[in-house]
Amino acid sequence: MFLNFENSELQLVPYDPKYQPSFASLVNDSHSEFGFALNPSLDQDLSQPEAFYRNIWVLVYDDKVVGSVALKSDTIDEVVLKRMYLRPPFRGKGFGNLLLRTALAEAKEAGFHKITLDTNRKQLSAQRTYEAAGFKLTKEDGEVMFYELDLSSRDV
């Protein structure tokens, strides 16, 4: 899928290993922005994301990953939304919603009934995006907020 951004094309594509360095950079830079350090146990997926996730999509601009979203299936009924990030110049322009809608549509088409995610309390715009899409806050644990969305009764 091609999109226009400031007279250049963005492309939303399935992850390919050629994007690994740029994907890892996006994740690490996003974490740094919110004051999070690289965590070897939580970030072990960055060297080989395709081994960890059911699906990954990347938003590519000038051959660099500027956005991402992934799905990880833990059970046959439930999927987890992971690694949804956007570089600052691409925020507030609808690209986060595009990434989220892409993941939700795939999850529903694959037959999952529920999608869950977690985010940090500091990530206010992410919380607003998820809540606007219908996600409900189910639990808070310190700085971590847990959300879920019932896909079975929802058009995506």
N, C-alpha and C. Protein backbone atom coordinates (compact mmCIF):
# COMPACT_ATOMS: atom_id res chain seq x y z
N MET A 1 0.85 -1.16 0.00
CA MET A 1 0.00 0.00 0.00
C MET A 1 0.90 1.24 0.00
N PHE A 2 0.65 2.15 -0.93
CA PHE A 2 1.42 3.38 -1.01
C PHE A 2 0.60 4.54 -0.47
N LEU A 3 1.24 5.44 0.24
CA LEU A 3 0.60 6.61 0.82
C LEU A 3 1.45 7.82 0.46
N ASN A 4 0.83 8.98 0.42
CA ASN A 4 1.59 10.19 0.11
C ASN A 4 1.93 10.92 1.40
N PHE A 5 3.17 11.28 1.55
CA PHE A 5 3.61 12.04 2.71
C PHE A 5 4.60 13.08 2.23
N GLU A 6 4.19 14.33 2.29
CA GLU A 6 5.06 15.44 1.88
C GLU A 6 5.72 15.17 0.53
N ASN A 7 4.89 14.79 -0.45
CA ASN A 7 5.32 14.54 -1.83
C ASN A 7 6.28 13.38 -1.98
N SER A 8 6.36 12.52 -1.01
CA SER A 8 7.13 11.29 -1.13
C SER A 8 6.23 10.13 -0.76
N GLU A 9 6.59 8.96 -1.19
CA GLU A 9 5.75 7.80 -0.92
C GLU A 9 6.19 7.05 0.32
N LEU A 10 5.20 6.75 1.10
CA LEU A 10 5.38 5.82 2.21
C LEU A 10 4.80 4.50 1.73
N GLN A 11 5.31 3.44 2.27
CA GLN A 11 4.80 2.14 1.90
C GLN A 11 4.55 1.34 3.17
N LEU A 12 3.36 0.80 3.30
CA LEU A 12 3.04 -0.11 4.39
C LEU A 12 3.18 -1.51 3.84
N VAL A 13 4.17 -2.24 4.38
CA VAL A 13 4.49 -3.56 3.83
C VAL A 13 4.70 -4.58 4.95
N PRO A 14 4.53 -5.85 4.63
CA PRO A 14 4.90 -6.88 5.60
C PRO A 14 6.41 -6.80 5.87
N TYR A 15 6.78 -7.11 7.08
CA TYR A 15 8.19 -7.08 7.48
C TYR A 15 9.01 -8.01 6.60
N ASP A 16 10.20 -7.56 6.27
CA ASP A 16 11.19 -8.35 5.57
C ASP A 16 12.49 -8.21 6.36
N PRO A 17 13.29 -9.28 6.49
CA PRO A 17 14.53 -9.18 7.27
C PRO A 17 15.46 -8.05 6.86
N LYS A 18 15.34 -7.56 5.62
CA LYS A 18 16.20 -6.43 5.21
C LYS A 18 15.91 -5.18 6.03
N TYR A 19 14.73 -5.13 6.67
CA TYR A 19 14.36 -3.98 7.49
C TYR A 19 14.81 -4.12 8.94
N GLN A 20 15.46 -5.20 9.31
CA GLN A 20 15.80 -5.45 10.71
C GLN A 20 16.57 -4.29 11.35
N PRO A 21 17.66 -3.79 10.75
CA PRO A 21 18.39 -2.70 11.43
C PRO A 21 17.51 -1.46 11.65
N SER A 22 16.72 -1.11 10.65
CA SER A 22 15.87 0.07 10.74
C SER A 22 14.72 -0.15 11.73
N PHE A 23 14.18 -1.36 11.78
CA PHE A 23 13.13 -1.70 12.74
C PHE A 23 13.69 -1.61 14.17
N ALA A 24 14.85 -2.20 14.40
CA ALA A 24 15.47 -2.17 15.73
C ALA A 24 15.77 -0.73 16.14
N SER A 25 16.22 0.08 15.20
CA SER A 25 16.50 1.48 15.49
C SER A 25 15.22 2.23 15.88
N LEU A 26 14.13 1.98 15.16
CA LEU A 26 12.85 2.60 15.50
C LEU A 26 12.44 2.24 16.93
N VAL A 27 12.51 0.98 17.28
CA VAL A 27 12.12 0.54 18.62
C VAL A 27 13.02 1.17 19.68
N ASN A 28 14.32 1.09 19.47
CA ASN A 28 15.26 1.65 20.45
C ASN A 28 15.11 3.16 20.60
N ASP A 29 14.93 3.87 19.49
CA ASP A 29 14.75 5.32 19.56
C ASP A 29 13.44 5.68 20.27
N SER A 30 12.39 4.91 19.99
CA SER A 30 11.10 5.15 20.65
C SER A 30 11.22 4.92 22.15
N HIS A 31 11.92 3.87 22.53
CA HIS A 31 12.12 3.61 23.95
C HIS A 31 12.91 4.74 24.60
N SER A 32 13.97 5.18 23.95
CA SER A 32 14.80 6.27 24.50
C SER A 32 13.98 7.54 24.69
N GLU A 33 13.09 7.81 23.75
CA GLU A 33 12.25 9.00 23.82
C GLU A 33 11.45 9.05 25.12
N PHE A 34 11.04 7.87 25.62
CA PHE A 34 10.25 7.81 26.84
C PHE A 34 11.08 7.43 28.07
N GLY A 35 12.40 7.42 27.89
CA GLY A 35 13.28 7.17 29.02
C GLY A 35 13.50 5.70 29.36
N PHE A 36 13.22 4.81 28.41
CA PHE A 36 13.42 3.38 28.64
C PHE A 36 14.75 2.94 28.04
N ALA A 37 15.45 2.11 28.76
CA ALA A 37 16.71 1.57 28.26
C ALA A 37 16.46 0.22 27.58
N LEU A 38 17.39 -0.18 26.74
CA LEU A 38 17.32 -1.50 26.12
C LEU A 38 17.30 -2.55 27.21
N ASN A 39 16.36 -3.47 27.13
CA ASN A 39 16.22 -4.54 28.11
C ASN A 39 16.44 -5.86 27.39
N PRO A 40 17.59 -6.52 27.60
CA PRO A 40 17.90 -7.74 26.85
C PRO A 40 16.83 -8.83 26.94
N SER A 41 16.14 -8.94 28.07
CA SER A 41 15.12 -9.99 28.15
C SER A 41 13.83 -9.60 27.42
N LEU A 42 13.48 -8.31 27.42
CA LEU A 42 12.27 -7.87 26.73
C LEU A 42 12.51 -7.57 25.25
N ASP A 43 13.72 -7.25 24.90
CA ASP A 43 14.02 -6.82 23.54
C ASP A 43 14.80 -7.84 22.72
N GLN A 44 14.74 -9.09 23.11
CA GLN A 44 15.48 -10.11 22.36
C GLN A 44 14.90 -10.34 20.97
N ASP A 45 13.69 -9.87 20.72
CA ASP A 45 13.07 -10.01 19.41
C ASP A 45 13.69 -9.09 18.35
N LEU A 46 14.45 -8.09 18.76
CA LEU A 46 14.93 -7.10 17.81
C LEU A 46 15.94 -7.64 16.81
N SER A 47 16.64 -8.68 17.15
CA SER A 47 17.63 -9.20 16.20
C SER A 47 16.99 -10.10 15.14
N GLN A 48 15.84 -10.69 15.45
CA GLN A 48 15.17 -11.57 14.49
C GLN A 48 13.65 -11.53 14.74
N PRO A 49 13.02 -10.40 14.45
CA PRO A 49 11.60 -10.23 14.77
C PRO A 49 10.69 -11.29 14.16
N GLU A 50 11.00 -11.72 12.97
CA GLU A 50 10.14 -12.68 12.30
C GLU A 50 10.04 -14.02 13.05
N ALA A 51 10.99 -14.28 13.93
CA ALA A 51 10.95 -15.51 14.73
C ALA A 51 10.02 -15.36 15.95
N PHE A 52 9.67 -14.13 16.30
CA PHE A 52 8.87 -13.87 17.51
C PHE A 52 7.41 -13.56 17.23
N TYR A 53 7.12 -13.07 16.04
CA TYR A 53 5.78 -12.56 15.78
C TYR A 53 5.08 -13.31 14.67
N ARG A 54 3.78 -13.37 14.80
CA ARG A 54 2.92 -13.99 13.79
C ARG A 54 2.92 -13.12 12.53
N ASN A 55 2.76 -11.82 12.73
CA ASN A 55 2.76 -10.83 11.65
C ASN A 55 3.49 -9.59 12.12
N ILE A 56 4.15 -8.94 11.19
CA ILE A 56 4.75 -7.62 11.44
C ILE A 56 4.56 -6.80 10.17
N TRP A 57 4.16 -5.56 10.36
CA TRP A 57 4.08 -4.63 9.24
C TRP A 57 4.97 -3.45 9.57
N VAL A 58 5.57 -2.90 8.53
CA VAL A 58 6.41 -1.72 8.71
C VAL A 58 5.97 -0.64 7.74
N LEU A 59 6.02 0.58 8.21
CA LEU A 59 5.77 1.75 7.39
C LEU A 59 7.14 2.25 6.97
N VAL A 60 7.38 2.27 5.67
CA VAL A 60 8.71 2.57 5.14
C VAL A 60 8.67 3.90 4.37
N TYR A 61 9.65 4.73 4.65
CA TYR A 61 9.82 6.02 3.99
C TYR A 61 11.30 6.17 3.67
N ASP A 62 11.62 6.40 2.42
CA ASP A 62 13.03 6.50 1.99
C ASP A 62 13.85 5.30 2.47
N ASP A 63 13.28 4.12 2.33
CA ASP A 63 13.94 2.85 2.70
C ASP A 63 14.24 2.70 4.19
N LYS A 64 13.61 3.52 5.02
CA LYS A 64 13.78 3.43 6.48
C LYS A 64 12.43 3.13 7.11
N VAL A 65 12.45 2.31 8.14
CA VAL A 65 11.23 2.01 8.88
C VAL A 65 10.89 3.20 9.77
N VAL A 66 9.72 3.77 9.54
CA VAL A 66 9.28 4.92 10.33
C VAL A 66 8.08 4.57 11.21
N GLY A 67 7.56 3.37 11.04
CA GLY A 67 6.45 2.90 11.85
C GLY A 67 6.39 1.39 11.82
N SER A 68 5.78 0.82 12.86
CA SER A 68 5.67 -0.64 12.90
C SER A 68 4.50 -1.06 13.78
N VAL A 69 4.07 -2.28 13.55
CA VAL A 69 3.09 -2.94 14.41
C VAL A 69 3.25 -4.43 14.19
N ALA A 70 3.05 -5.20 15.26
CA ALA A 70 3.22 -6.66 15.18
C ALA A 70 2.10 -7.35 15.95
N LEU A 71 1.88 -8.60 15.59
CA LEU A 71 0.94 -9.46 16.31
C LEU A 71 1.68 -10.70 16.78
N LYS A 72 1.41 -11.06 18.02
CA LYS A 72 2.01 -12.27 18.61
C LYS A 72 0.85 -13.10 19.14
N SER A 73 0.76 -14.35 18.68
CA SER A 73 -0.35 -15.18 19.15
C SER A 73 0.12 -16.07 20.29
N ASP A 74 -0.60 -15.95 21.40
CA ASP A 74 -0.30 -16.74 22.59
C ASP A 74 -1.24 -17.92 22.73
N THR A 75 -2.47 -17.78 22.24
CA THR A 75 -3.46 -18.85 22.29
C THR A 75 -4.20 -18.87 20.96
N ILE A 76 -5.08 -19.83 20.77
CA ILE A 76 -5.81 -19.89 19.50
C ILE A 76 -6.90 -18.82 19.41
N ASP A 77 -7.32 -18.27 20.55
CA ASP A 77 -8.38 -17.26 20.55
C ASP A 77 -7.87 -15.83 20.73
N GLU A 78 -6.65 -15.68 21.24
CA GLU A 78 -6.17 -14.36 21.64
C GLU A 78 -4.85 -14.03 20.95
N VAL A 79 -4.73 -12.78 20.55
CA VAL A 79 -3.50 -12.29 19.94
C VAL A 79 -3.07 -11.03 20.68
N VAL A 80 -1.78 -10.77 20.70
CA VAL A 80 -1.24 -9.63 21.42
C VAL A 80 -0.67 -8.63 20.41
N LEU A 81 -1.06 -7.38 20.56
CA LEU A 81 -0.52 -6.31 19.74
C LEU A 81 0.82 -5.88 20.34
N LYS A 82 1.85 -5.84 19.53
CA LYS A 82 3.20 -5.51 20.00
C LYS A 82 3.85 -4.51 19.03
N ARG A 83 4.88 -3.87 19.51
CA ARG A 83 5.81 -3.06 18.71
C ARG A 83 5.14 -2.03 17.81
N MET A 84 4.10 -1.37 18.35
CA MET A 84 3.46 -0.30 17.58
C MET A 84 4.16 1.01 17.91
N TYR A 85 4.91 1.51 16.93
CA TYR A 85 5.69 2.73 17.10
C TYR A 85 5.63 3.55 15.83
N LEU A 86 5.80 4.85 15.99
CA LEU A 86 5.93 5.78 14.87
C LEU A 86 6.99 6.81 15.21
N ARG A 87 7.79 7.15 14.24
CA ARG A 87 8.75 8.23 14.43
C ARG A 87 7.97 9.55 14.56
N PRO A 88 8.47 10.51 15.36
CA PRO A 88 7.73 11.75 15.62
C PRO A 88 7.19 12.49 14.40
N PRO A 89 7.92 12.63 13.28
CA PRO A 89 7.35 13.40 12.16
C PRO A 89 6.10 12.75 11.54
N PHE A 90 5.87 11.49 11.84
CA PHE A 90 4.75 10.76 11.24
C PHE A 90 3.56 10.62 12.18
N ARG A 91 3.68 11.17 13.37
CA ARG A 91 2.60 11.10 14.35
C ARG A 91 1.57 12.19 14.08
N GLY A 92 0.33 11.91 14.48
CA GLY A 92 -0.74 12.89 14.34
C GLY A 92 -1.23 13.06 12.92
N LYS A 93 -0.88 12.14 12.05
CA LYS A 93 -1.25 12.25 10.63
C LYS A 93 -2.09 11.04 10.18
N GLY A 94 -2.52 10.22 11.15
CA GLY A 94 -3.35 9.06 10.81
C GLY A 94 -2.59 7.77 10.58
N PHE A 95 -1.27 7.82 10.61
CA PHE A 95 -0.50 6.60 10.34
C PHE A 95 -0.59 5.58 11.47
N GLY A 96 -0.70 6.06 12.70
CA GLY A 96 -0.89 5.15 13.83
C GLY A 96 -2.20 4.39 13.70
N ASN A 97 -3.25 5.10 13.29
CA ASN A 97 -4.53 4.45 13.07
C ASN A 97 -4.45 3.44 11.93
N LEU A 98 -3.72 3.78 10.89
CA LEU A 98 -3.54 2.86 9.78
C LEU A 98 -2.84 1.58 10.24
N LEU A 99 -1.78 1.72 11.01
CA LEU A 99 -1.08 0.55 11.53
C LEU A 99 -2.01 -0.29 12.41
N LEU A 100 -2.73 0.38 13.28
CA LEU A 100 -3.64 -0.33 14.18
C LEU A 100 -4.75 -1.03 13.41
N ARG A 101 -5.38 -0.35 12.47
CA ARG A 101 -6.45 -0.97 11.66
C ARG A 101 -5.93 -2.17 10.89
N THR A 102 -4.72 -2.09 10.38
CA THR A 102 -4.13 -3.21 9.65
C THR A 102 -4.00 -4.42 10.55
N ALA A 103 -3.48 -4.22 11.75
CA ALA A 103 -3.31 -5.33 12.70
C ALA A 103 -4.67 -5.89 13.15
N LEU A 104 -5.62 -5.01 13.44
CA LEU A 104 -6.94 -5.47 13.88
C LEU A 104 -7.64 -6.27 12.79
N ALA A 105 -7.56 -5.80 11.55
CA ALA A 105 -8.19 -6.53 10.44
C ALA A 105 -7.57 -7.91 10.27
N GLU A 106 -6.27 -8.01 10.36
CA GLU A 106 -5.60 -9.31 10.24
C GLU A 106 -5.99 -10.23 11.39
N ALA A 107 -6.02 -9.69 12.60
CA ALA A 107 -6.37 -10.51 13.76
C ALA A 107 -7.78 -11.07 13.62
N LYS A 108 -8.71 -10.24 13.20
CA LYS A 108 -10.10 -10.68 13.02
C LYS A 108 -10.19 -11.70 11.89
N GLU A 109 -9.55 -11.43 10.78
CA GLU A 109 -9.58 -12.34 9.63
C GLU A 109 -8.98 -13.70 9.99
N ALA A 110 -7.98 -13.70 10.85
CA ALA A 110 -7.33 -14.95 11.26
C ALA A 110 -8.17 -15.73 12.27
N GLY A 111 -9.27 -15.13 12.73
CA GLY A 111 -10.18 -15.83 13.63
C GLY A 111 -9.95 -15.62 15.11
N PHE A 112 -9.11 -14.65 15.45
CA PHE A 112 -8.90 -14.36 16.86
C PHE A 112 -10.12 -13.63 17.42
N HIS A 113 -10.47 -13.92 18.66
CA HIS A 113 -11.63 -13.32 19.29
C HIS A 113 -11.28 -12.13 20.18
N LYS A 114 -10.02 -12.07 20.61
CA LYS A 114 -9.62 -11.00 21.52
C LYS A 114 -8.19 -10.57 21.18
N ILE A 115 -7.97 -9.26 21.30
CA ILE A 115 -6.62 -8.73 21.12
C ILE A 115 -6.28 -7.94 22.38
N THR A 116 -5.08 -8.16 22.89
CA THR A 116 -4.62 -7.47 24.09
C THR A 116 -3.35 -6.70 23.78
N LEU A 117 -3.01 -5.79 24.68
CA LEU A 117 -1.77 -5.03 24.54
C LEU A 117 -1.41 -4.45 25.90
N ASP A 118 -0.18 -4.02 25.99
CA ASP A 118 0.21 -3.23 27.16
C ASP A 118 0.98 -2.02 26.66
N THR A 119 0.89 -0.96 27.42
CA THR A 119 1.60 0.27 27.11
C THR A 119 2.01 0.92 28.42
N ASN A 120 2.87 1.87 28.31
CA ASN A 120 3.35 2.56 29.50
C ASN A 120 2.51 3.81 29.76
N ARG A 121 2.33 4.15 31.01
CA ARG A 121 1.56 5.32 31.41
C ARG A 121 2.09 6.59 30.73
N LYS A 122 3.38 6.65 30.41
CA LYS A 122 3.98 7.83 29.78
C LYS A 122 3.52 8.01 28.33
N GLN A 123 3.03 6.96 27.71
CA GLN A 123 2.69 7.00 26.28
C GLN A 123 1.23 7.40 26.10
N LEU A 124 0.96 8.66 26.36
CA LEU A 124 -0.41 9.17 26.36
C LEU A 124 -1.08 9.09 24.99
N SER A 125 -0.37 9.42 23.93
CA SER A 125 -1.01 9.39 22.62
C SER A 125 -1.34 7.95 22.22
N ALA A 126 -0.50 7.01 22.62
CA ALA A 126 -0.81 5.60 22.35
C ALA A 126 -2.09 5.19 23.09
N GLN A 127 -2.22 5.61 24.33
CA GLN A 127 -3.42 5.29 25.10
C GLN A 127 -4.66 5.86 24.41
N ARG A 128 -4.57 7.09 23.95
CA ARG A 128 -5.71 7.71 23.26
C ARG A 128 -6.06 6.96 21.97
N THR A 129 -5.05 6.54 21.23
CA THR A 129 -5.28 5.80 20.00
C THR A 129 -5.99 4.48 20.29
N TYR A 130 -5.51 3.75 21.29
CA TYR A 130 -6.13 2.46 21.62
C TYR A 130 -7.55 2.65 22.13
N GLU A 131 -7.76 3.61 22.99
CA GLU A 131 -9.10 3.83 23.55
C GLU A 131 -10.08 4.29 22.46
N ALA A 132 -9.62 5.12 21.53
CA ALA A 132 -10.48 5.55 20.43
C ALA A 132 -10.87 4.39 19.53
N ALA A 133 -10.03 3.36 19.47
CA ALA A 133 -10.32 2.17 18.67
C ALA A 133 -11.21 1.18 19.41
N GLY A 134 -11.54 1.48 20.67
CA GLY A 134 -12.43 0.61 21.42
C GLY A 134 -11.77 -0.27 22.46
N PHE A 135 -10.46 -0.18 22.60
CA PHE A 135 -9.77 -0.96 23.63
C PHE A 135 -10.21 -0.48 25.01
N LYS A 136 -10.36 -1.43 25.92
CA LYS A 136 -10.74 -1.13 27.30
C LYS A 136 -9.56 -1.42 28.23
N LEU A 137 -9.31 -0.50 29.14
CA LEU A 137 -8.28 -0.70 30.15
C LEU A 137 -8.76 -1.79 31.10
N THR A 138 -7.95 -2.83 31.27
CA THR A 138 -8.36 -3.96 32.12
C THR A 138 -7.56 -4.06 33.41
N LYS A 139 -6.35 -3.48 33.41
CA LYS A 139 -5.50 -3.63 34.58
C LYS A 139 -4.38 -2.61 34.51
N GLU A 140 -3.91 -2.20 35.67
CA GLU A 140 -2.73 -1.34 35.76
C GLU A 140 -1.78 -1.98 36.75
N ASP A 141 -0.51 -1.97 36.40
CA ASP A 141 0.51 -2.53 37.28
C ASP A 141 1.69 -1.55 37.26
N GLY A 142 1.72 -0.67 38.24
CA GLY A 142 2.75 0.37 38.26
C GLY A 142 2.57 1.28 37.07
N GLU A 143 3.59 1.37 36.23
CA GLU A 143 3.56 2.22 35.05
C GLU A 143 2.94 1.53 33.83
N VAL A 144 2.67 0.24 33.93
CA VAL A 144 2.17 -0.52 32.79
C VAL A 144 0.65 -0.58 32.82
N MET A 145 0.06 -0.31 31.66
CA MET A 145 -1.40 -0.34 31.50
C MET A 145 -1.74 -1.45 30.51
N PHE A 146 -2.72 -2.26 30.85
CA PHE A 146 -3.12 -3.40 30.03
C PHE A 146 -4.50 -3.14 29.43
N TYR A 147 -4.62 -3.38 28.14
CA TYR A 147 -5.86 -3.14 27.41
C TYR A 147 -6.27 -4.41 26.68
N GLU A 148 -7.58 -4.49 26.37
CA GLU A 148 -8.06 -5.57 25.52
C GLU A 148 -9.24 -5.09 24.68
N LEU A 149 -9.46 -5.80 23.58
CA LEU A 149 -10.54 -5.50 22.68
C LEU A 149 -11.16 -6.81 22.23
N ASP A 150 -12.48 -6.91 22.35
CA ASP A 150 -13.22 -8.09 21.88
C ASP A 150 -13.42 -7.94 20.38
N LEU A 151 -12.82 -8.83 19.61
CA LEU A 151 -12.92 -8.77 18.15
C LEU A 151 -14.13 -9.52 17.62
N SER A 152 -14.70 -10.40 18.42
CA SER A 152 -15.76 -11.26 17.92
C SER A 152 -17.03 -10.51 17.55
N SER A 153 -17.30 -9.42 18.20
CA SER A 153 -18.54 -8.69 17.92
C SER A 153 -18.27 -7.33 17.31
N ARG A 154 -17.16 -7.22 16.61
CA ARG A 154 -16.74 -5.90 16.12
C ARG A 154 -16.35 -5.96 14.64
N ASP A 155 -16.78 -4.96 13.90
CA ASP A 155 -16.30 -4.79 12.54
C ASP A 155 -15.02 -3.99 12.60
N VAL A 156 -14.03 -4.42 11.88
CA VAL A 156 -12.76 -3.71 11.91
C VAL A 156 -12.44 -3.15 10.53
